Amino acid sequence: MNTTVLNNARIVDPSRGLDDIGTLIIQDGKIVASGADARNQGTPGGATIIDCSGKAVLPGLVDARVFIGEPGGEHRETIASASHAAAAGGVTSIIMMPDTDPVIDNVALVEFVKRTARDTAVVNVYPAAAVTKGLSGEEMTEIGLLREAGAVAITEGRHSIANTQLLRRALTYARDFGVVLAHETQDAHLGVNGVMNEGLYASWLGLSGTPREAEVIPLERDMRLAALTKGAYHAAQISTAMSAEVVSRAKHNGLNVTSAVSINHLSLNENDIGEFRTFFRLQPPLRLEEDRLAMVESLRDGTIDIIVSAHDPQDVDTKRLPFADAAAGAIGLETLLGAALRLYHNGDVPLLRLIETLSTAPARIFGLDAGSLRPGAPADMTIVDLDEPWIVREEALRSRSKNSCFEGARFQGRVIQTFVAGKSVFSI
């Protein structure tokens, strides 16, 4: 029997509301004991013992919005390289968006992702399937078959569905097949040429802007459809105070609605673009500081359910261009936890709530067996020194692409070791 014992650890387990010093015992890929009382169980013979004094043990993070190049864009990112980047960031489960070439819109592609992940990845990789064929927004996919094949969500990835009737039907099918529909809302016409947030700063830089209403107006429509269909709706990324108000009202009205914010929109604002730094060209764009603060407050009060990295690798050919011509997106798997811990160290969000939004809540929303350190759960976890400082260096990033918003950033809180099913998949 393969046994690992983590002693003297600060065990942070939102699934049980636990934040205490104790012991965690892993046997054959499962957690068999976890907490202060586990110290009294003794150490099994032949066990590997790890002293975690001064360190925290967290459930492995669950990142619900990860773009990967494979298939079709392996030069940007493969399933294998993304998994190694995830492990280095303490992420043990990722939900892969369907924006590939070809699009993940049929059973064969879902099975391809699962098979490739099984053979090459070091973390759990779950495919999300497209709502419409080819992400065209026109013809709905076979949602039931995709769900049965292993898709954990349906989504249009970077795209928004303009056809209201199609979205209504998709939400109805999603409800009947017990799957969440995750949707990023961007009006197809309002600010269609915008490359950053519309406002005074965009005028100073001479760049076209996208108004915040371009996100809010279709989100309001989607809430009406969620009420009409009773489907499970997930706002894949919100970035404005107005959007948070819409989600809060929907939850107050009893709708089956959840929402996410990217770590970029919790940590940065439009001023970070500086002198046309294309790594800050994102979709949705970085917003006002008032919006960033609203995102933090909404995360703390539960309006926003989860944090995502929105990991979107782009190579030099698409980023080393004038700002308006550069592709939108930034990598984020390796910096997700470090950036999020700023909110804890600043006193903005309690640690237990922060880890809940990074692990327990996304696992619950998408029905994954993850995000918990309870006995019987898979031994997916990460050991973190919450106080160790480190600097993000391009040469140290494991992603195939290096387009990080946090290059050169100083973080406090570093992943020491990551386990998936009890096996160490990363260690410094």
Protein backbone atom coordinates (compact mmCIF):
# COMPACT_ATOMS: atom_id res chain seq x y z
CA MET A 1 0.00 0.00 0.00
CA ASN A 2 1.44 3.36 -1.11
CA THR A 3 1.11 5.80 1.80
CA THR A 4 2.11 9.45 2.20
CA VAL A 5 1.73 11.41 5.43
CA LEU A 6 1.73 15.21 5.54
CA ASN A 7 2.47 16.33 9.11
CA ASN A 8 2.09 19.71 10.85
CA ALA A 9 0.22 21.23 7.91
CA ARG A 10 -2.22 24.12 7.94
CA ILE A 11 -5.13 22.27 6.32
CA VAL A 12 -7.43 24.64 4.45
CA ASP A 13 -10.53 22.78 3.26
CA PRO A 14 -13.51 24.96 2.28
CA SER A 15 -15.68 21.87 1.66
CA ARG A 16 -15.69 21.34 5.44
CA GLY A 17 -15.11 24.93 6.56
CA LEU A 18 -11.79 23.73 7.98
CA ASP A 19 -8.69 25.85 8.58
CA ASP A 20 -6.59 24.10 11.21
CA ILE A 21 -3.19 22.58 11.92
CA GLY A 22 -3.23 18.84 11.45
CA THR A 23 -2.15 15.76 9.53
CA LEU A 24 -3.24 14.43 6.18
CA ILE A 25 -2.79 10.77 5.21
CA ILE A 26 -2.90 9.53 1.61
CA GLN A 27 -3.22 5.87 0.68
CA ASP A 28 -3.40 4.59 -2.90
CA GLY A 29 -4.46 7.92 -4.36
CA LYS A 30 -7.17 8.68 -1.80
CA ILE A 31 -7.28 10.78 1.35
CA VAL A 32 -7.96 8.50 4.32
CA ALA A 33 -7.56 11.02 7.14
CA SER A 34 -7.42 14.79 7.24
CA GLY A 35 -7.47 17.19 10.16
CA ALA A 36 -6.24 17.74 13.69
CA ASP A 37 -7.54 14.36 14.89
CA ALA A 38 -5.51 12.54 12.20
CA ARG A 39 -2.38 13.21 14.26
CA ASN A 40 -3.57 10.62 16.75
CA GLN A 41 -3.83 7.81 14.19
CA GLY A 42 -0.09 7.13 14.08
CA THR A 43 2.17 6.81 11.07
CA PRO A 44 1.68 3.68 8.91
CA GLY A 45 4.81 1.61 8.44
CA GLY A 46 6.79 2.39 5.29
CA ALA A 47 4.96 5.67 4.70
CA THR A 48 6.59 8.65 3.01
CA ILE A 49 6.55 11.46 5.56
CA ILE A 50 6.53 15.13 4.57
CA ASP A 51 6.93 17.81 7.23
CA CYS A 52 4.66 20.72 6.27
CA SER A 53 5.51 22.97 9.22
CA GLY A 54 4.85 26.57 8.24
CA LYS A 55 3.05 25.54 5.07
CA ALA A 56 -0.57 25.18 4.00
CA VAL A 57 -2.17 22.21 2.26
CA LEU A 58 -4.96 23.25 -0.09
CA PRO A 59 -7.31 21.28 -2.31
CA GLY A 60 -5.93 21.22 -5.85
CA LEU A 61 -7.24 24.24 -7.72
CA VAL A 62 -9.94 23.73 -10.36
CA ASP A 63 -9.58 26.11 -13.31
CA ALA A 64 -12.83 26.26 -15.25
CA ARG A 65 -11.65 28.33 -18.24
CA VAL A 66 -8.52 27.09 -20.01
CA PHE A 67 -7.81 27.48 -23.72
CA ILE A 68 -5.37 24.97 -25.24
CA GLY A 69 -4.05 24.88 -28.79
CA GLU A 70 -4.28 21.11 -29.25
CA PRO A 71 -5.61 20.04 -31.69
CA GLY A 72 -4.61 22.46 -34.43
CA GLY A 73 -2.52 24.97 -32.51
CA GLU A 74 0.08 22.85 -30.76
CA HIS A 75 2.72 25.57 -31.30
CA ARG A 76 0.83 27.70 -28.77
CA GLU A 77 0.01 25.01 -26.21
CA THR A 78 -0.50 21.27 -25.98
CA ILE A 79 -2.56 19.37 -23.46
CA ALA A 80 0.71 18.08 -21.98
CA SER A 81 2.37 21.50 -21.68
CA ALA A 82 -0.76 23.07 -20.21
CA SER A 83 -0.93 20.28 -17.62
CA HIS A 84 2.67 20.91 -16.51
CA ALA A 85 1.96 24.63 -16.25
CA ALA A 86 -1.15 23.84 -14.21
CA ALA A 87 0.74 21.55 -11.82
CA ALA A 88 3.34 24.27 -11.22
CA GLY A 89 0.51 26.61 -10.27
CA GLY A 90 -1.21 24.18 -7.90
CA VAL A 91 -4.00 23.49 -10.40
CA THR A 92 -4.97 19.81 -10.47
CA SER A 93 -8.10 19.97 -12.66
CA ILE A 94 -8.73 22.08 -15.76
CA ILE A 95 -11.78 22.48 -17.95
CA MET A 96 -10.63 22.83 -21.55
CA MET A 97 -12.54 25.19 -23.83
CA PRO A 98 -13.74 23.92 -27.25
CA ASP A 99 -11.94 26.65 -29.25
CA THR A 100 -9.61 24.29 -31.12
CA ASP A 101 -9.12 23.31 -34.76
CA PRO A 102 -11.26 21.34 -35.32
CA VAL A 103 -13.72 22.58 -32.71
CA ILE A 104 -14.72 20.21 -29.91
CA ASP A 105 -18.27 19.86 -31.18
CA ASN A 106 -18.65 16.09 -31.60
CA VAL A 107 -18.13 12.91 -29.63
CA ALA A 108 -14.92 11.99 -31.45
CA LEU A 109 -13.23 15.23 -30.38
CA VAL A 110 -14.37 14.85 -26.76
CA GLU A 111 -12.88 11.35 -26.75
CA PHE A 112 -9.69 12.68 -28.38
CA VAL A 113 -9.19 15.19 -25.55
CA LYS A 114 -9.86 12.57 -22.89
CA ARG A 115 -7.52 10.05 -24.53
CA THR A 116 -4.73 12.57 -25.09
CA ALA A 117 -5.04 13.83 -21.53
CA ARG A 118 -4.91 10.29 -20.17
CA ASP A 119 -1.74 9.57 -22.15
CA THR A 120 0.15 12.87 -21.78
CA ALA A 121 -1.25 15.10 -19.01
CA VAL A 122 -0.15 15.13 -15.38
CA VAL A 123 -3.37 16.76 -14.11
CA ASN A 124 -7.07 16.07 -14.69
CA VAL A 125 -8.29 17.51 -18.00
CA TYR A 126 -12.04 17.80 -18.58
CA PRO A 127 -13.37 18.81 -22.02
CA ALA A 128 -16.12 21.37 -22.48
CA ALA A 129 -18.05 20.99 -25.72
CA ALA A 130 -19.31 23.66 -28.09
CA VAL A 131 -22.93 24.77 -27.98
CA THR A 132 -23.04 25.17 -31.76
CA LYS A 133 -21.25 23.32 -34.55
CA GLY A 134 -17.98 24.99 -35.44
CA LEU A 135 -18.75 27.72 -32.88
CA SER A 136 -20.72 29.32 -35.70
CA GLY A 137 -23.72 30.26 -33.57
CA GLU A 138 -26.10 28.65 -36.06
CA GLU A 139 -26.68 24.91 -35.55
CA MET A 140 -26.82 23.32 -32.12
CA THR A 141 -24.57 20.36 -31.28
CA GLU A 142 -25.77 16.99 -29.96
CA ILE A 143 -25.69 18.07 -26.34
CA GLY A 144 -26.92 14.78 -24.89
CA LEU A 145 -24.33 12.70 -26.74
CA LEU A 146 -21.54 15.13 -25.83
CA ARG A 147 -22.56 14.99 -22.18
CA GLU A 148 -22.64 11.20 -22.28
CA ALA A 149 -19.18 11.14 -23.88
CA GLY A 150 -17.72 13.14 -20.99
CA ALA A 151 -18.17 16.85 -21.69
CA VAL A 152 -18.56 18.57 -18.31
CA ALA A 153 -20.07 21.77 -19.74
CA ILE A 154 -21.24 23.32 -22.98
CA THR A 155 -19.94 26.71 -24.04
CA GLU A 156 -19.04 28.86 -27.02
CA GLY A 157 -15.66 29.63 -25.47
CA ARG A 158 -14.54 33.08 -26.63
CA HIS A 159 -17.73 33.55 -28.67
CA SER A 160 -21.19 34.84 -27.78
CA ILE A 161 -24.46 33.49 -29.11
CA ALA A 162 -26.50 36.21 -30.79
CA ASN A 163 -29.45 33.97 -31.74
CA THR A 164 -31.83 34.20 -28.80
CA GLN A 165 -34.01 31.30 -29.90
CA LEU A 166 -30.98 29.02 -30.28
CA LEU A 167 -29.70 29.98 -26.84
CA ARG A 168 -33.13 29.29 -25.35
CA ARG A 169 -33.15 25.80 -26.87
CA ALA A 170 -29.58 25.14 -25.72
CA LEU A 171 -30.45 26.10 -22.15
CA THR A 172 -33.49 23.82 -22.28
CA TYR A 173 -31.43 20.88 -23.53
CA ALA A 174 -28.71 21.65 -20.98
CA ARG A 175 -31.34 21.53 -18.23
CA ASP A 176 -32.71 18.20 -19.41
CA PHE A 177 -29.25 16.61 -19.70
CA GLY A 178 -27.99 18.03 -16.41
CA VAL A 179 -25.17 20.10 -17.86
CA VAL A 180 -24.15 23.71 -17.25
CA LEU A 181 -24.15 26.20 -20.12
CA ALA A 182 -21.25 28.64 -19.69
CA HIS A 183 -21.53 31.80 -21.77
CA GLU A 184 -19.33 34.86 -22.23
CA THR A 185 -21.46 37.83 -23.21
CA GLN A 186 -20.19 40.28 -25.81
CA ASP A 187 -22.56 42.21 -28.02
CA ALA A 188 -21.73 41.51 -31.66
CA HIS A 189 -22.20 45.12 -32.75
CA LEU A 190 -21.65 47.41 -29.75
CA GLY A 191 -17.98 48.32 -29.71
CA VAL A 192 -17.23 45.59 -32.24
CA ASN A 193 -13.89 47.21 -33.16
CA GLY A 194 -12.93 48.02 -29.58
CA VAL A 195 -9.55 46.85 -28.32
CA MET A 196 -9.72 48.20 -24.75
CA ASN A 197 -12.24 49.65 -22.33
CA GLU A 198 -14.09 52.66 -23.73
CA GLY A 199 -13.27 55.82 -21.85
CA LEU A 200 -10.89 58.70 -21.34
CA TYR A 201 -7.77 56.52 -21.22
CA ALA A 202 -8.62 54.86 -24.53
CA SER A 203 -9.00 58.35 -26.03
CA TRP A 204 -5.57 59.36 -24.71
CA LEU A 205 -4.01 56.27 -26.29
CA GLY A 206 -5.88 56.78 -29.55
CA LEU A 207 -7.45 53.31 -29.35
CA SER A 208 -11.04 52.31 -30.09
CA GLY A 209 -12.98 51.25 -27.02
CA THR A 210 -15.60 48.70 -26.05
CA PRO A 211 -18.25 50.07 -23.66
CA ARG A 212 -19.12 48.14 -20.54
CA GLU A 213 -22.68 47.92 -21.85
CA ALA A 214 -21.46 45.51 -24.55
CA GLU A 215 -21.10 42.92 -21.79
CA VAL A 216 -24.12 43.86 -19.71
CA ILE A 217 -26.85 44.06 -22.36
CA PRO A 218 -26.56 40.43 -23.58
CA LEU A 219 -26.07 39.30 -19.97
CA GLU A 220 -29.44 40.86 -19.08
CA ARG A 221 -30.99 38.93 -21.98
CA ASP A 222 -29.39 35.70 -20.79
CA MET A 223 -30.86 36.13 -17.31
CA ARG A 224 -34.32 36.35 -18.86
CA LEU A 225 -33.66 33.14 -20.77
CA ALA A 226 -32.37 31.40 -17.64
CA ALA A 227 -35.61 32.35 -15.91
CA LEU A 228 -37.66 31.14 -18.88
CA THR A 229 -35.93 27.77 -19.27
CA LYS A 230 -34.88 27.02 -15.66
CA GLY A 231 -31.53 25.94 -17.12
CA ALA A 232 -28.19 26.07 -15.30
CA TYR A 233 -26.46 29.20 -16.58
CA HIS A 234 -22.87 30.19 -15.84
CA ALA A 235 -21.57 33.64 -16.73
CA ALA A 236 -18.14 32.57 -17.93
CA GLN A 237 -16.45 35.94 -17.35
CA ILE A 238 -17.81 39.18 -15.95
CA SER A 239 -15.73 42.30 -15.62
CA THR A 240 -17.94 45.24 -14.67
CA ALA A 241 -19.84 46.45 -11.64
CA MET A 242 -23.01 46.55 -13.75
CA SER A 243 -22.63 42.86 -14.62
CA ALA A 244 -22.22 41.98 -10.94
CA GLU A 245 -25.48 43.79 -10.21
CA VAL A 246 -27.26 41.77 -12.90
CA VAL A 247 -25.97 38.47 -11.49
CA SER A 248 -26.79 39.49 -7.92
CA ARG A 249 -30.36 40.32 -8.89
CA ALA A 250 -30.75 37.01 -10.73
CA LYS A 251 -29.54 35.07 -7.70
CA HIS A 252 -31.87 37.04 -5.45
CA ASN A 253 -34.73 36.01 -7.75
CA GLY A 254 -33.83 32.35 -7.30
CA LEU A 255 -32.37 31.65 -10.75
CA ASN A 256 -29.93 28.78 -11.25
CA VAL A 257 -27.12 31.17 -12.14
CA THR A 258 -23.42 31.26 -11.27
CA SER A 259 -20.62 33.54 -12.40
CA ALA A 260 -16.85 33.76 -12.76
CA VAL A 261 -14.22 36.47 -12.91
CA SER A 262 -10.74 36.11 -14.33
CA ILE A 263 -7.75 36.70 -12.10
CA ASN A 264 -6.74 39.44 -14.54
CA HIS A 265 -9.86 41.48 -13.82
CA LEU A 266 -9.38 41.02 -10.08
CA SER A 267 -5.77 42.17 -10.21
CA LEU A 268 -5.43 44.73 -13.01
CA ASN A 269 -7.19 47.71 -14.54
CA GLU A 270 -7.00 49.61 -17.82
CA ASN A 271 -4.10 51.75 -16.62
CA ASP A 272 -1.86 48.67 -16.64
CA ILE A 273 -1.88 48.77 -20.44
CA GLY A 274 0.65 51.58 -20.04
CA GLU A 275 2.45 52.25 -23.30
CA PHE A 276 0.56 49.76 -25.46
CA ARG A 277 1.72 46.57 -23.71
CA THR A 278 -0.02 43.90 -25.81
CA PHE A 279 0.10 41.24 -23.06
CA PHE A 280 -2.69 43.33 -21.48
CA ARG A 281 -4.84 43.07 -24.60
CA LEU A 282 -7.61 40.89 -23.19
CA GLN A 283 -11.22 39.95 -23.87
CA PRO A 284 -13.17 41.29 -22.08
CA PRO A 285 -10.81 44.26 -21.81
CA LEU A 286 -9.33 45.47 -18.55
CA ARG A 287 -11.79 47.86 -16.96
CA LEU A 288 -11.82 50.84 -14.60
CA GLU A 289 -10.37 50.56 -11.11
CA GLU A 290 -13.93 50.98 -9.82
CA ASP A 291 -14.91 47.84 -11.73
CA ARG A 292 -11.93 45.91 -10.35
CA LEU A 293 -12.90 46.85 -6.81
CA ALA A 294 -16.50 45.81 -7.55
CA MET A 295 -15.21 42.42 -8.72
CA VAL A 296 -13.32 41.95 -5.44
CA GLU A 297 -16.37 42.90 -3.39
CA SER A 298 -18.63 40.61 -5.46
CA LEU A 299 -16.20 37.75 -4.93
CA ARG A 300 -16.21 38.31 -1.20
CA ASP A 301 -20.00 38.53 -0.86
CA GLY A 302 -20.72 35.50 -3.08
CA THR A 303 -22.16 37.23 -6.14
CA ILE A 304 -19.18 35.90 -8.06
CA ASP A 305 -18.76 32.18 -7.43
CA ILE A 306 -15.36 31.32 -8.88
CA ILE A 307 -12.04 32.69 -10.13
CA VAL A 308 -10.64 31.46 -13.45
CA SER A 309 -7.26 32.00 -15.06
CA ALA A 310 -8.76 32.46 -18.55
CA HIS A 311 -5.48 30.87 -19.69
CA ASP A 312 -5.22 31.78 -23.39
CA PRO A 313 -1.76 31.17 -24.90
CA GLN A 314 -0.74 33.32 -27.86
CA ASP A 315 2.63 33.17 -29.60
CA VAL A 316 4.96 36.01 -30.57
CA ASP A 317 3.52 36.24 -34.08
CA THR A 318 0.14 37.28 -32.69
CA LYS A 319 1.35 39.40 -29.75
CA ARG A 320 4.34 41.35 -31.09
CA LEU A 321 2.13 43.61 -33.13
CA PRO A 322 0.58 47.08 -32.69
CA PHE A 323 -1.86 46.96 -29.79
CA ALA A 324 -4.94 47.19 -31.99
CA ASP A 325 -3.73 44.31 -34.17
CA ALA A 326 -2.54 41.95 -31.43
CA ALA A 327 -4.58 38.89 -30.47
CA ALA A 328 -6.48 39.06 -27.19
CA GLY A 329 -5.53 36.73 -24.35
CA ALA A 330 -2.95 35.94 -21.69
CA ILE A 331 -1.65 32.79 -20.04
CA GLY A 332 -2.48 32.35 -16.38
CA LEU A 333 -2.27 28.79 -15.04
CA GLU A 334 1.07 29.27 -13.29
CA THR A 335 0.23 32.67 -11.79
CA LEU A 336 -3.41 32.06 -10.80
CA LEU A 337 -2.77 31.23 -7.16
CA GLY A 338 0.05 33.72 -6.65
CA ALA A 339 -2.05 36.59 -7.98
CA ALA A 340 -5.12 35.47 -6.03
CA LEU A 341 -3.18 35.35 -2.77
CA ARG A 342 -2.65 39.09 -3.06
CA LEU A 343 -6.32 39.42 -2.12
CA TYR A 344 -5.66 37.37 1.03
CA HIS A 345 -2.50 39.20 2.04
CA ASN A 346 -4.20 42.56 1.45
CA GLY A 347 -7.08 41.54 3.71
CA ASP A 348 -9.59 41.82 0.87
CA VAL A 349 -10.81 38.19 0.88
CA PRO A 350 -10.46 35.61 3.71
CA LEU A 351 -8.27 32.63 2.83
CA LEU A 352 -11.05 30.05 3.23
CA ARG A 353 -13.35 32.00 0.88
CA LEU A 354 -10.54 32.56 -1.61
CA ILE A 355 -9.68 28.85 -1.83
CA GLU A 356 -13.38 28.01 -2.09
CA THR A 357 -13.63 30.14 -5.25
CA LEU A 358 -10.52 28.49 -6.69
CA SER A 359 -11.31 24.85 -5.94
CA THR A 360 -14.43 23.77 -4.07
CA ALA A 361 -16.95 26.00 -5.86
CA PRO A 362 -15.88 25.26 -9.47
CA ALA A 363 -15.81 21.53 -8.68
CA ARG A 364 -19.36 21.78 -7.31
CA ILE A 365 -20.71 23.86 -10.22
CA PHE A 366 -19.38 21.50 -12.89
CA GLY A 367 -19.92 18.25 -11.00
CA LEU A 368 -16.27 17.25 -10.60
CA ASP A 369 -14.91 14.96 -7.91
CA ALA A 370 -12.39 17.55 -6.76
CA GLY A 371 -11.93 20.59 -4.53
CA SER A 372 -11.98 18.80 -1.17
CA LEU A 373 -9.58 17.36 1.41
CA ARG A 374 -12.23 15.28 3.13
CA PRO A 375 -11.51 11.58 3.82
CA GLY A 376 -12.44 9.52 0.77
CA ALA A 377 -11.73 12.28 -1.72
CA PRO A 378 -9.10 11.93 -4.46
CA ALA A 379 -5.70 13.06 -3.19
CA ASP A 380 -5.52 16.11 -5.45
CA MET A 381 -3.82 18.82 -3.42
CA THR A 382 -1.05 21.35 -3.29
CA ILE A 383 1.43 22.33 -0.57
CA VAL A 384 1.89 26.09 -0.48
CA ASP A 385 4.17 28.41 1.47
CA LEU A 386 1.75 31.29 1.87
CA ASP A 387 4.52 33.75 2.74
CA GLU A 388 7.38 32.86 0.39
CA PRO A 389 8.10 35.67 -2.08
CA TRP A 390 8.86 34.98 -5.73
CA ILE A 391 9.08 36.81 -9.03
CA VAL A 392 7.45 35.69 -12.27
CA ARG A 393 10.25 35.06 -14.78
CA GLU A 394 9.54 34.37 -18.44
CA GLU A 395 12.27 31.72 -18.63
CA ALA A 396 10.68 29.80 -15.75
CA LEU A 397 7.19 29.58 -17.27
CA ARG A 398 6.25 26.07 -18.38
CA SER A 399 3.60 27.11 -20.86
CA ARG A 400 4.69 27.01 -24.50
CA SER A 401 3.55 30.62 -24.82
CA LYS A 402 4.88 33.40 -22.59
CA ASN A 403 2.19 36.08 -22.89
CA SER A 404 1.71 36.65 -19.16
CA CYS A 405 0.12 39.76 -17.68
CA PHE A 406 2.27 39.17 -14.60
CA GLU A 407 5.75 38.97 -16.12
CA GLY A 408 8.11 40.48 -13.55
CA ALA A 409 5.38 40.63 -10.89
CA ARG A 410 6.30 40.00 -7.26
CA PHE A 411 4.07 37.51 -5.47
CA GLN A 412 3.84 36.30 -1.89
CA GLY A 413 2.79 32.65 -1.71
CA ARG A 414 4.44 29.87 -3.70
CA VAL A 415 3.46 26.34 -4.67
CA ILE A 416 5.97 23.90 -3.16
CA GLN A 417 4.51 20.59 -4.33
CA THR A 418 1.42 19.38 -6.18
CA PHE A 419 -0.24 15.95 -5.98
CA VAL A 420 -2.76 14.35 -8.34
CA ALA A 421 -4.31 11.09 -7.13
CA GLY A 422 -1.60 10.93 -4.50
CA LYS A 423 1.24 11.16 -7.01
CA SER A 424 3.63 14.10 -6.90
CA VAL A 425 3.41 15.88 -10.28
CA PHE A 426 5.35 19.03 -9.37
CA SER A 427 7.94 19.94 -6.78
CA ILE A 428 10.40 22.83 -6.55
